[in-house]
Amino acid sequence: MKRVYMIISGKVQGVFYRDFARKEAEKYGIVGFVRNLHDGTVEVLAEGDDDKLKRFILECKRGPLLAFIKDAKITEQQPNPGEYEDFSIRY
């Protein structure tokens, strides 16, 4: 089990990035959340199986069709199993 915190920058708001991340998280069994930040970036906290989390991160770096990912800052964090039951979009 691993946990990562990501800040995704580029053209990531107004392009359905959050919905894309939620669908990809569900596909890989990842829990956590995604939300837009006021500075135009997207914040992602994701926790799951190491291999599935790696695939999820690759998808987040790719983004949805209309997005342009300029940078993805990724920080590993201490996992906290049970903190999240699913992957949600926060507002």
Protein backbone atom coordinates (compact mmCIF):
# COMPACT_ATOMS: atom_id res chain seq x y z
CA MET A 1 0.00 0.00 0.00
CA LYS A 2 1.31 3.43 -0.99
CA ARG A 3 0.05 7.02 -0.86
CA VAL A 4 0.99 9.93 -3.10
CA TYR A 5 0.15 13.61 -3.09
CA MET A 6 0.21 15.29 -6.50
CA ILE A 7 -0.10 18.82 -7.80
CA ILE A 8 -0.92 18.79 -11.51
CA SER A 9 -0.36 22.00 -13.47
CA GLY A 10 -1.03 23.14 -17.01
CA LYS A 11 -4.42 23.28 -18.72
CA VAL A 12 -6.13 21.13 -16.11
CA GLN A 13 -9.22 23.07 -15.07
CA GLY A 14 -12.31 23.27 -17.24
CA VAL A 15 -11.27 20.11 -19.16
CA PHE A 16 -12.99 17.47 -16.98
CA TYR A 17 -9.74 16.54 -15.25
CA ARG A 18 -11.40 15.77 -11.91
CA ASP A 19 -13.96 13.47 -13.48
CA PHE A 20 -11.20 11.78 -15.49
CA ALA A 21 -9.14 11.21 -12.32
CA ARG A 22 -12.16 9.81 -10.45
CA LYS A 23 -12.94 7.33 -13.24
CA GLU A 24 -9.30 6.22 -13.47
CA ALA A 25 -9.12 5.83 -9.68
CA GLU A 26 -12.22 3.65 -9.71
CA LYS A 27 -10.75 1.56 -12.53
CA TYR A 28 -7.59 0.87 -10.50
CA GLY A 29 -9.19 0.62 -7.04
CA ILE A 30 -7.52 3.81 -5.79
CA VAL A 31 -8.98 5.78 -2.87
CA GLY A 32 -8.50 9.46 -2.01
CA PHE A 33 -9.66 12.68 -3.65
CA VAL A 34 -9.12 15.23 -6.41
CA ARG A 35 -9.92 18.95 -6.34
CA ASN A 36 -9.23 22.19 -8.17
CA LEU A 37 -7.06 24.72 -6.38
CA HIS A 38 -7.44 28.49 -6.64
CA ASP A 39 -4.12 28.88 -8.47
CA GLY A 40 -5.36 26.85 -11.47
CA THR A 41 -3.70 23.57 -10.50
CA VAL A 42 -5.33 20.29 -9.49
CA GLU A 43 -4.58 18.51 -6.21
CA VAL A 44 -4.73 14.71 -6.02
CA LEU A 45 -4.30 12.50 -2.96
CA ALA A 46 -4.26 8.83 -3.92
CA GLU A 47 -3.72 5.63 -2.01
CA GLY A 48 -3.66 2.04 -3.20
CA ASP A 49 -1.72 -1.00 -4.28
CA ASP A 50 1.77 -0.06 -5.53
CA ASP A 51 1.39 -1.38 -9.10
CA LYS A 52 -2.11 0.03 -9.56
CA LEU A 53 -1.04 3.37 -8.08
CA LYS A 54 1.84 3.57 -10.59
CA ARG A 55 -0.65 3.08 -13.45
CA PHE A 56 -2.98 5.68 -11.95
CA ILE A 57 -0.11 8.19 -11.72
CA LEU A 58 0.72 7.62 -15.39
CA GLU A 59 -2.90 8.32 -16.30
CA CYS A 60 -2.89 11.50 -14.19
CA LYS A 61 0.23 12.67 -16.02
CA ARG A 62 -1.55 12.01 -19.34
CA GLY A 63 -4.88 13.56 -18.34
CA PRO A 64 -8.09 13.76 -20.34
CA LEU A 65 -8.17 14.58 -24.04
CA LEU A 66 -8.61 18.35 -23.63
CA ALA A 67 -5.96 18.75 -20.92
CA PHE A 68 -2.34 19.79 -21.34
CA ILE A 69 -0.18 18.64 -18.43
CA LYS A 70 2.76 20.97 -17.88
CA ASP A 71 4.03 19.42 -14.65
CA ALA A 72 3.12 16.81 -12.05
CA LYS A 73 4.77 17.24 -8.67
CA ILE A 74 4.51 13.96 -6.81
CA THR A 75 5.32 13.40 -3.16
CA GLU A 76 5.09 10.03 -1.42
CA GLN A 77 3.33 10.09 1.93
CA GLN A 78 2.77 7.61 4.71
CA PRO A 79 -0.28 5.49 3.84
CA ASN A 80 -3.23 5.54 6.21
CA PRO A 81 -5.40 2.53 5.26
CA GLY A 82 -9.06 3.07 6.03
CA GLU A 83 -8.93 6.87 5.94
CA TYR A 84 -10.73 6.92 2.58
CA GLU A 85 -13.42 4.50 1.44
CA ASP A 86 -13.53 5.69 -2.17
CA PHE A 87 -12.16 8.33 -4.52
CA SER A 88 -14.12 11.56 -4.50
CA ILE A 89 -14.22 14.91 -6.22
CA ARG A 90 -13.91 17.69 -3.68
CA TYR A 91 -15.16 21.21 -4.27
